mmCIF file of all heavy atoms, coordinates in Angstrom:
data_MODEL
# 
_entry.id   MODEL 
# 
loop_
_atom_site.group_PDB 
_atom_site.id 
_atom_site.type_symbol 
_atom_site.label_atom_id 
_atom_site.label_alt_id 
_atom_site.label_comp_id 
_atom_site.label_asym_id 
_atom_site.label_entity_id 
_atom_site.label_seq_id 
_atom_site.pdbx_PDB_ins_code 
_atom_site.Cartn_x 
_atom_site.Cartn_y 
_atom_site.Cartn_z 
_atom_site.occupancy 
_atom_site.B_iso_or_equiv 
_atom_site.pdbx_formal_charge 
_atom_site.auth_seq_id 
_atom_site.auth_comp_id 
_atom_site.auth_asym_id 
_atom_site.auth_atom_id 
_atom_site.pdbx_PDB_model_num 
ATOM 1   N N   . PRO A 1 1  ? 108.814 90.948  109.941 1.00 0.00 ? 1  PRO A N   1 
ATOM 2   C CA  . PRO A 1 1  ? 108.629 90.148  111.098 1.00 0.00 ? 1  PRO A CA  1 
ATOM 3   C C   . PRO A 1 1  ? 107.286 90.317  111.900 1.00 0.00 ? 1  PRO A C   1 
ATOM 4   O O   . PRO A 1 1  ? 106.849 89.435  112.589 1.00 0.00 ? 1  PRO A O   1 
ATOM 5   C CB  . PRO A 1 1  ? 109.832 90.563  112.043 1.00 0.00 ? 1  PRO A CB  1 
ATOM 6   C CG  . PRO A 1 1  ? 110.263 91.912  111.485 1.00 0.00 ? 1  PRO A CG  1 
ATOM 7   C CD  . PRO A 1 1  ? 109.913 91.857  110.012 1.00 0.00 ? 1  PRO A CD  1 
ATOM 8   N N   . THR A 1 2  ? 106.652 91.509  111.725 1.00 0.00 ? 2  THR A N   1 
ATOM 9   C CA  . THR A 1 2  ? 105.450 91.784  112.415 1.00 0.00 ? 2  THR A CA  1 
ATOM 10  C C   . THR A 1 2  ? 104.422 92.380  111.446 1.00 0.00 ? 2  THR A C   1 
ATOM 11  O O   . THR A 1 2  ? 104.789 92.879  110.364 1.00 0.00 ? 2  THR A O   1 
ATOM 12  C CB  . THR A 1 2  ? 105.589 92.835  113.599 1.00 0.00 ? 2  THR A CB  1 
ATOM 13  O OG1 . THR A 1 2  ? 106.186 93.995  113.039 1.00 0.00 ? 2  THR A OG1 1 
ATOM 14  C CG2 . THR A 1 2  ? 106.492 92.307  114.692 1.00 0.00 ? 2  THR A CG2 1 
ATOM 15  N N   . SER A 1 3  ? 103.089 92.215  111.749 1.00 0.00 ? 3  SER A N   1 
ATOM 16  C CA  . SER A 1 3  ? 102.080 92.654  110.773 1.00 0.00 ? 3  SER A CA  1 
ATOM 17  C C   . SER A 1 3  ? 101.954 94.226  110.725 1.00 0.00 ? 3  SER A C   1 
ATOM 18  O O   . SER A 1 3  ? 101.423 94.719  109.761 1.00 0.00 ? 3  SER A O   1 
ATOM 19  C CB  . SER A 1 3  ? 100.716 92.070  111.223 1.00 0.00 ? 3  SER A CB  1 
ATOM 20  O OG  . SER A 1 3  ? 100.380 92.475  112.552 1.00 0.00 ? 3  SER A OG  1 
ATOM 21  N N   . GLN A 1 4  ? 102.463 94.807  111.715 1.00 0.00 ? 4  GLN A N   1 
ATOM 22  C CA  . GLN A 1 4  ? 102.602 96.281  111.647 1.00 0.00 ? 4  GLN A CA  1 
ATOM 23  C C   . GLN A 1 4  ? 103.705 96.781  112.567 1.00 0.00 ? 4  GLN A C   1 
ATOM 24  O O   . GLN A 1 4  ? 104.073 96.111  113.529 1.00 0.00 ? 4  GLN A O   1 
ATOM 25  C CB  . GLN A 1 4  ? 101.288 96.986  111.985 1.00 0.00 ? 4  GLN A CB  1 
ATOM 26  C CG  . GLN A 1 4  ? 100.630 96.659  113.271 1.00 0.00 ? 4  GLN A CG  1 
ATOM 27  C CD  . GLN A 1 4  ? 99.280  97.378  113.447 1.00 0.00 ? 4  GLN A CD  1 
ATOM 28  O OE1 . GLN A 1 4  ? 98.536  97.495  112.485 1.00 0.00 ? 4  GLN A OE1 1 
ATOM 29  N NE2 . GLN A 1 4  ? 98.994  97.773  114.640 1.00 0.00 ? 4  GLN A NE2 1 
ATOM 30  N N   . GLY A 1 5  ? 104.259 97.924  112.275 1.00 0.00 ? 5  GLY A N   1 
ATOM 31  C CA  . GLY A 1 5  ? 105.316 98.394  113.070 1.00 0.00 ? 5  GLY A CA  1 
ATOM 32  C C   . GLY A 1 5  ? 105.821 99.718  112.604 1.00 0.00 ? 5  GLY A C   1 
ATOM 33  O O   . GLY A 1 5  ? 105.361 100.343 111.618 1.00 0.00 ? 5  GLY A O   1 
ATOM 34  N N   . ARG A 1 6  ? 106.884 100.206 113.300 1.00 0.00 ? 6  ARG A N   1 
ATOM 35  C CA  . ARG A 1 6  ? 107.523 101.526 112.960 1.00 0.00 ? 6  ARG A CA  1 
ATOM 36  C C   . ARG A 1 6  ? 108.991 101.215 112.640 1.00 0.00 ? 6  ARG A C   1 
ATOM 37  O O   . ARG A 1 6  ? 109.668 100.515 113.343 1.00 0.00 ? 6  ARG A O   1 
ATOM 38  C CB  . ARG A 1 6  ? 107.378 102.503 114.060 1.00 0.00 ? 6  ARG A CB  1 
ATOM 39  C CG  . ARG A 1 6  ? 108.203 103.795 113.850 1.00 0.00 ? 6  ARG A CG  1 
ATOM 40  C CD  . ARG A 1 6  ? 107.824 104.895 114.801 1.00 0.00 ? 6  ARG A CD  1 
ATOM 41  N NE  . ARG A 1 6  ? 106.469 105.409 114.466 1.00 0.00 ? 6  ARG A NE  1 
ATOM 42  C CZ  . ARG A 1 6  ? 105.943 106.460 115.086 1.00 0.00 ? 6  ARG A CZ  1 
ATOM 43  N NH1 . ARG A 1 6  ? 106.600 107.149 116.024 1.00 0.00 ? 6  ARG A NH1 1 
ATOM 44  N NH2 . ARG A 1 6  ? 104.690 106.884 114.658 1.00 0.00 ? 6  ARG A NH2 1 
ATOM 45  N N   . LEU A 1 7  ? 109.482 101.782 111.539 1.00 0.00 ? 7  LEU A N   1 
ATOM 46  C CA  . LEU A 1 7  ? 110.909 101.723 111.210 1.00 0.00 ? 7  LEU A CA  1 
ATOM 47  C C   . LEU A 1 7  ? 111.547 103.099 111.394 1.00 0.00 ? 7  LEU A C   1 
ATOM 48  O O   . LEU A 1 7  ? 111.046 104.042 110.865 1.00 0.00 ? 7  LEU A O   1 
ATOM 49  C CB  . LEU A 1 7  ? 111.076 101.266 109.755 1.00 0.00 ? 7  LEU A CB  1 
ATOM 50  C CG  . LEU A 1 7  ? 110.477 99.966  109.314 1.00 0.00 ? 7  LEU A CG  1 
ATOM 51  C CD1 . LEU A 1 7  ? 110.883 99.617  107.856 1.00 0.00 ? 7  LEU A CD1 1 
ATOM 52  C CD2 . LEU A 1 7  ? 110.906 98.799  110.212 1.00 0.00 ? 7  LEU A CD2 1 
ATOM 53  N N   . THR A 1 8  ? 112.583 103.159 112.205 1.00 0.00 ? 8  THR A N   1 
ATOM 54  C CA  . THR A 1 8  ? 113.308 104.403 112.443 1.00 0.00 ? 8  THR A CA  1 
ATOM 55  C C   . THR A 1 8  ? 114.789 104.153 112.149 1.00 0.00 ? 8  THR A C   1 
ATOM 56  O O   . THR A 1 8  ? 115.422 103.261 112.703 1.00 0.00 ? 8  THR A O   1 
ATOM 57  C CB  . THR A 1 8  ? 113.235 104.821 113.920 1.00 0.00 ? 8  THR A CB  1 
ATOM 58  O OG1 . THR A 1 8  ? 111.824 104.983 114.199 1.00 0.00 ? 8  THR A OG1 1 
ATOM 59  C CG2 . THR A 1 8  ? 113.955 106.178 114.162 1.00 0.00 ? 8  THR A CG2 1 
ATOM 60  N N   . ASP A 1 9  ? 115.296 104.853 111.151 1.00 0.00 ? 9  ASP A N   1 
ATOM 61  C CA  . ASP A 1 9  ? 116.646 104.658 110.745 1.00 0.00 ? 9  ASP A CA  1 
ATOM 62  C C   . ASP A 1 9  ? 117.335 106.036 110.479 1.00 0.00 ? 9  ASP A C   1 
ATOM 63  O O   . ASP A 1 9  ? 116.641 107.088 110.430 1.00 0.00 ? 9  ASP A O   1 
ATOM 64  C CB  . ASP A 1 9  ? 116.751 103.892 109.366 1.00 0.00 ? 9  ASP A CB  1 
ATOM 65  C CG  . ASP A 1 9  ? 116.272 102.515 109.533 1.00 0.00 ? 9  ASP A CG  1 
ATOM 66  O OD1 . ASP A 1 9  ? 116.977 101.703 110.210 1.00 0.00 ? 9  ASP A OD1 1 
ATOM 67  O OD2 . ASP A 1 9  ? 115.197 102.098 108.959 1.00 0.00 ? 9  ASP A OD2 1 
ATOM 68  N N   . THR A 1 10 ? 118.655 106.031 110.400 1.00 0.00 ? 10 THR A N   1 
ATOM 69  C CA  . THR A 1 10 ? 119.381 107.242 109.923 1.00 0.00 ? 10 THR A CA  1 
ATOM 70  C C   . THR A 1 10 ? 119.852 106.974 108.514 1.00 0.00 ? 10 THR A C   1 
ATOM 71  O O   . THR A 1 10 ? 120.424 105.971 108.171 1.00 0.00 ? 10 THR A O   1 
ATOM 72  C CB  . THR A 1 10 ? 120.631 107.493 110.805 1.00 0.00 ? 10 THR A CB  1 
ATOM 73  O OG1 . THR A 1 10 ? 120.127 107.711 112.135 1.00 0.00 ? 10 THR A OG1 1 
ATOM 74  C CG2 . THR A 1 10 ? 121.346 108.733 110.356 1.00 0.00 ? 10 THR A CG2 1 
ATOM 75  N N   . LEU A 1 11 ? 119.486 107.902 107.573 1.00 0.00 ? 11 LEU A N   1 
ATOM 76  C CA  . LEU A 1 11 ? 119.792 107.724 106.167 1.00 0.00 ? 11 LEU A CA  1 
ATOM 77  C C   . LEU A 1 11 ? 120.853 108.743 105.739 1.00 0.00 ? 11 LEU A C   1 
ATOM 78  O O   . LEU A 1 11 ? 120.805 109.883 106.173 1.00 0.00 ? 11 LEU A O   1 
ATOM 79  C CB  . LEU A 1 11 ? 118.537 107.792 105.322 1.00 0.00 ? 11 LEU A CB  1 
ATOM 80  C CG  . LEU A 1 11 ? 117.425 106.877 105.600 1.00 0.00 ? 11 LEU A CG  1 
ATOM 81  C CD1 . LEU A 1 11 ? 116.316 107.064 104.536 1.00 0.00 ? 11 LEU A CD1 1 
ATOM 82  C CD2 . LEU A 1 11 ? 117.893 105.385 105.630 1.00 0.00 ? 11 LEU A CD2 1 
ATOM 83  N N   . LEU A 1 12 ? 121.749 108.293 104.873 1.00 0.00 ? 12 LEU A N   1 
ATOM 84  C CA  . LEU A 1 12 ? 122.789 109.185 104.296 1.00 0.00 ? 12 LEU A CA  1 
ATOM 85  C C   . LEU A 1 12 ? 122.726 109.153 102.802 1.00 0.00 ? 12 LEU A C   1 
ATOM 86  O O   . LEU A 1 12 ? 122.746 107.997 102.233 1.00 0.00 ? 12 LEU A O   1 
ATOM 87  C CB  . LEU A 1 12 ? 124.166 108.786 104.809 1.00 0.00 ? 12 LEU A CB  1 
ATOM 88  C CG  . LEU A 1 12 ? 125.297 109.680 104.315 1.00 0.00 ? 12 LEU A CG  1 
ATOM 89  C CD1 . LEU A 1 12 ? 125.209 111.121 104.933 1.00 0.00 ? 12 LEU A CD1 1 
ATOM 90  C CD2 . LEU A 1 12 ? 126.647 109.081 104.719 1.00 0.00 ? 12 LEU A CD2 1 
ATOM 91  N N   . LYS A 1 13 ? 122.618 110.280 102.207 1.00 0.00 ? 13 LYS A N   1 
ATOM 92  C CA  . LYS A 1 13 ? 122.559 110.282 100.678 1.00 0.00 ? 13 LYS A CA  1 
ATOM 93  C C   . LYS A 1 13 ? 123.921 110.562 100.097 1.00 0.00 ? 13 LYS A C   1 
ATOM 94  O O   . LYS A 1 13 ? 124.640 111.474 100.489 1.00 0.00 ? 13 LYS A O   1 
ATOM 95  C CB  . LYS A 1 13 ? 121.537 111.361 100.204 1.00 0.00 ? 13 LYS A CB  1 
ATOM 96  C CG  . LYS A 1 13 ? 121.340 111.339 98.729  1.00 0.00 ? 13 LYS A CG  1 
ATOM 97  C CD  . LYS A 1 13 ? 120.206 112.212 98.230  1.00 0.00 ? 13 LYS A CD  1 
ATOM 98  C CE  . LYS A 1 13 ? 119.960 112.125 96.752  1.00 0.00 ? 13 LYS A CE  1 
ATOM 99  N NZ  . LYS A 1 13 ? 118.855 112.888 96.264  1.00 0.00 ? 13 LYS A NZ  1 
ATOM 100 N N   . ASP A 1 14 ? 124.259 109.763 99.048  1.00 0.00 ? 14 ASP A N   1 
ATOM 101 C CA  . ASP A 1 14 ? 125.450 110.031 98.268  1.00 0.00 ? 14 ASP A CA  1 
ATOM 102 C C   . ASP A 1 14 ? 124.989 110.769 97.011  1.00 0.00 ? 14 ASP A C   1 
ATOM 103 O O   . ASP A 1 14 ? 124.413 110.147 96.111  1.00 0.00 ? 14 ASP A O   1 
ATOM 104 C CB  . ASP A 1 14 ? 126.157 108.724 97.882  1.00 0.00 ? 14 ASP A CB  1 
ATOM 105 C CG  . ASP A 1 14 ? 127.417 108.888 97.094  1.00 0.00 ? 14 ASP A CG  1 
ATOM 106 O OD1 . ASP A 1 14 ? 127.496 109.861 96.350  1.00 0.00 ? 14 ASP A OD1 1 
ATOM 107 O OD2 . ASP A 1 14 ? 128.321 108.016 97.185  1.00 0.00 ? 14 ASP A OD2 1 
ATOM 108 N N   . GLU A 1 15 ? 125.255 112.038 96.965  1.00 0.00 ? 15 GLU A N   1 
ATOM 109 C CA  . GLU A 1 15 ? 124.810 112.908 95.865  1.00 0.00 ? 15 GLU A CA  1 
ATOM 110 C C   . GLU A 1 15 ? 125.390 112.432 94.455  1.00 0.00 ? 15 GLU A C   1 
ATOM 111 O O   . GLU A 1 15 ? 124.711 112.511 93.455  1.00 0.00 ? 15 GLU A O   1 
ATOM 112 C CB  . GLU A 1 15 ? 125.145 114.367 96.095  1.00 0.00 ? 15 GLU A CB  1 
ATOM 113 C CG  . GLU A 1 15 ? 124.387 114.946 97.328  1.00 0.00 ? 15 GLU A CG  1 
ATOM 114 C CD  . GLU A 1 15 ? 122.923 115.127 97.150  1.00 0.00 ? 15 GLU A CD  1 
ATOM 115 O OE1 . GLU A 1 15 ? 122.409 114.952 95.997  1.00 0.00 ? 15 GLU A OE1 1 
ATOM 116 O OE2 . GLU A 1 15 ? 122.261 115.370 98.136  1.00 0.00 ? 15 GLU A OE2 1 
ATOM 117 N N   . LYS A 1 16 ? 126.637 112.009 94.510  1.00 0.00 ? 16 LYS A N   1 
ATOM 118 C CA  . LYS A 1 16 ? 127.321 111.574 93.266  1.00 0.00 ? 16 LYS A CA  1 
ATOM 119 C C   . LYS A 1 16 ? 126.602 110.427 92.596  1.00 0.00 ? 16 LYS A C   1 
ATOM 120 O O   . LYS A 1 16 ? 126.374 110.363 91.366  1.00 0.00 ? 16 LYS A O   1 
ATOM 121 C CB  . LYS A 1 16 ? 128.722 111.293 93.530  1.00 0.00 ? 16 LYS A CB  1 
ATOM 122 C CG  . LYS A 1 16 ? 129.686 112.514 93.638  1.00 0.00 ? 16 LYS A CG  1 
ATOM 123 C CD  . LYS A 1 16 ? 131.127 112.113 93.793  1.00 0.00 ? 16 LYS A CD  1 
ATOM 124 C CE  . LYS A 1 16 ? 131.986 113.357 94.015  1.00 0.00 ? 16 LYS A CE  1 
ATOM 125 N NZ  . LYS A 1 16 ? 133.419 112.967 94.197  1.00 0.00 ? 16 LYS A NZ  1 
ATOM 126 N N   . SER A 1 17 ? 126.257 109.393 93.389  1.00 0.00 ? 17 SER A N   1 
ATOM 127 C CA  . SER A 1 17 ? 125.620 108.177 92.793  1.00 0.00 ? 17 SER A CA  1 
ATOM 128 C C   . SER A 1 17 ? 124.155 108.248 92.924  1.00 0.00 ? 17 SER A C   1 
ATOM 129 O O   . SER A 1 17 ? 123.461 107.349 92.418  1.00 0.00 ? 17 SER A O   1 
ATOM 130 C CB  . SER A 1 17 ? 126.144 106.965 93.503  1.00 0.00 ? 17 SER A CB  1 
ATOM 131 O OG  . SER A 1 17 ? 125.826 106.954 94.911  1.00 0.00 ? 17 SER A OG  1 
ATOM 132 N N   . ASN A 1 18 ? 123.577 109.276 93.572  1.00 0.00 ? 18 ASN A N   1 
ATOM 133 C CA  . ASN A 1 18 ? 122.153 109.377 93.810  1.00 0.00 ? 18 ASN A CA  1 
ATOM 134 C C   . ASN A 1 18 ? 121.610 108.123 94.490  1.00 0.00 ? 18 ASN A C   1 
ATOM 135 O O   . ASN A 1 18 ? 120.582 107.591 94.057  1.00 0.00 ? 18 ASN A O   1 
ATOM 136 C CB  . ASN A 1 18 ? 121.364 109.680 92.573  1.00 0.00 ? 18 ASN A CB  1 
ATOM 137 C CG  . ASN A 1 18 ? 119.928 110.022 92.743  1.00 0.00 ? 18 ASN A CG  1 
ATOM 138 O OD1 . ASN A 1 18 ? 119.656 110.631 93.827  1.00 0.00 ? 18 ASN A OD1 1 
ATOM 139 N ND2 . ASN A 1 18 ? 119.029 109.680 91.908  1.00 0.00 ? 18 ASN A ND2 1 
ATOM 140 N N   . THR A 1 19 ? 122.325 107.670 95.528  1.00 0.00 ? 19 THR A N   1 
ATOM 141 C CA  . THR A 1 19 ? 121.908 106.500 96.250  1.00 0.00 ? 19 THR A CA  1 
ATOM 142 C C   . THR A 1 19 ? 121.855 106.874 97.720  1.00 0.00 ? 19 THR A C   1 
ATOM 143 O O   . THR A 1 19 ? 122.596 107.697 98.184  1.00 0.00 ? 19 THR A O   1 
ATOM 144 C CB  . THR A 1 19 ? 122.843 105.206 96.086  1.00 0.00 ? 19 THR A CB  1 
ATOM 145 O OG1 . THR A 1 19 ? 124.139 105.650 96.403  1.00 0.00 ? 19 THR A OG1 1 
ATOM 146 C CG2 . THR A 1 19 ? 122.690 104.763 94.631  1.00 0.00 ? 19 THR A CG2 1 
ATOM 147 N N   . VAL A 1 20 ? 121.025 106.134 98.515  1.00 0.00 ? 20 VAL A N   1 
ATOM 148 C CA  . VAL A 1 20 ? 120.911 106.409 99.957  1.00 0.00 ? 20 VAL A CA  1 
ATOM 149 C C   . VAL A 1 20 ? 121.149 105.114 100.644 1.00 0.00 ? 20 VAL A C   1 
ATOM 150 O O   . VAL A 1 20 ? 120.827 104.012 100.225 1.00 0.00 ? 20 VAL A O   1 
ATOM 151 C CB  . VAL A 1 20 ? 119.436 106.868 100.236 1.00 0.00 ? 20 VAL A CB  1 
ATOM 152 C CG1 . VAL A 1 20 ? 119.232 107.178 101.690 1.00 0.00 ? 20 VAL A CG1 1 
ATOM 153 C CG2 . VAL A 1 20 ? 119.172 108.128 99.450  1.00 0.00 ? 20 VAL A CG2 1 
ATOM 154 N N   . SER A 1 21 ? 121.798 105.259 101.898 1.00 0.00 ? 21 SER A N   1 
ATOM 155 C CA  . SER A 1 21 ? 122.091 104.050 102.646 1.00 0.00 ? 21 SER A CA  1 
ATOM 156 C C   . SER A 1 21 ? 121.752 104.308 104.144 1.00 0.00 ? 21 SER A C   1 
ATOM 157 O O   . SER A 1 21 ? 121.721 105.438 104.580 1.00 0.00 ? 21 SER A O   1 
ATOM 158 C CB  . SER A 1 21 ? 123.565 103.633 102.549 1.00 0.00 ? 21 SER A CB  1 
ATOM 159 O OG  . SER A 1 21 ? 124.405 104.709 102.844 1.00 0.00 ? 21 SER A OG  1 
ATOM 160 N N   . VAL A 1 22 ? 121.488 103.189 104.824 1.00 0.00 ? 22 VAL A N   1 
ATOM 161 C CA  . VAL A 1 22 ? 121.230 103.287 106.276 1.00 0.00 ? 22 VAL A CA  1 
ATOM 162 C C   . VAL A 1 22 ? 122.549 103.299 106.945 1.00 0.00 ? 22 VAL A C   1 
ATOM 163 O O   . VAL A 1 22 ? 123.496 102.468 106.750 1.00 0.00 ? 22 VAL A O   1 
ATOM 164 C CB  . VAL A 1 22 ? 120.440 102.043 106.768 1.00 0.00 ? 22 VAL A CB  1 
ATOM 165 C CG1 . VAL A 1 22 ? 120.334 102.047 108.252 1.00 0.00 ? 22 VAL A CG1 1 
ATOM 166 C CG2 . VAL A 1 22 ? 119.065 102.003 106.091 1.00 0.00 ? 22 VAL A CG2 1 
ATOM 167 N N   . VAL A 1 23 ? 122.792 104.298 107.822 1.00 0.00 ? 23 VAL A N   1 
ATOM 168 C CA  . VAL A 1 23 ? 124.046 104.443 108.575 1.00 0.00 ? 23 VAL A CA  1 
ATOM 169 C C   . VAL A 1 23 ? 123.748 104.496 110.073 1.00 0.00 ? 23 VAL A C   1 
ATOM 170 O O   . VAL A 1 23 ? 122.644 104.644 110.504 1.00 0.00 ? 23 VAL A O   1 
ATOM 171 C CB  . VAL A 1 23 ? 124.829 105.702 108.127 1.00 0.00 ? 23 VAL A CB  1 
ATOM 172 C CG1 . VAL A 1 23 ? 125.196 105.565 106.650 1.00 0.00 ? 23 VAL A CG1 1 
ATOM 173 C CG2 . VAL A 1 23 ? 123.952 106.945 108.283 1.00 0.00 ? 23 VAL A CG2 1 
ATOM 174 N N   . ARG A 1 24 ? 124.842 104.458 110.842 1.00 0.00 ? 24 ARG A N   1 
ATOM 175 C CA  . ARG A 1 24 ? 124.712 104.604 112.295 1.00 0.00 ? 24 ARG A CA  1 
ATOM 176 C C   . ARG A 1 24 ? 124.221 105.997 112.735 1.00 0.00 ? 24 ARG A C   1 
ATOM 177 O O   . ARG A 1 24 ? 124.562 106.995 112.102 1.00 0.00 ? 24 ARG A O   1 
ATOM 178 C CB  . ARG A 1 24 ? 126.076 104.326 112.966 1.00 0.00 ? 24 ARG A CB  1 
ATOM 179 C CG  . ARG A 1 24 ? 126.494 102.858 113.060 1.00 0.00 ? 24 ARG A CG  1 
ATOM 180 C CD  . ARG A 1 24 ? 127.518 102.666 114.157 1.00 0.00 ? 24 ARG A CD  1 
ATOM 181 N NE  . ARG A 1 24 ? 128.750 103.479 113.894 1.00 0.00 ? 24 ARG A NE  1 
ATOM 182 C CZ  . ARG A 1 24 ? 129.765 103.057 113.188 1.00 0.00 ? 24 ARG A CZ  1 
ATOM 183 N NH1 . ARG A 1 24 ? 129.747 101.844 112.764 1.00 0.00 ? 24 ARG A NH1 1 
ATOM 184 N NH2 . ARG A 1 24 ? 130.802 103.813 112.992 1.00 0.00 ? 24 ARG A NH2 1 
# 
């Protein structure tokens, strides 16, 4: 949406599937 910016999220890793998701 913008030409520059900062993304701040909370990430949680699922070790079994080796995938990461954005969580609250």
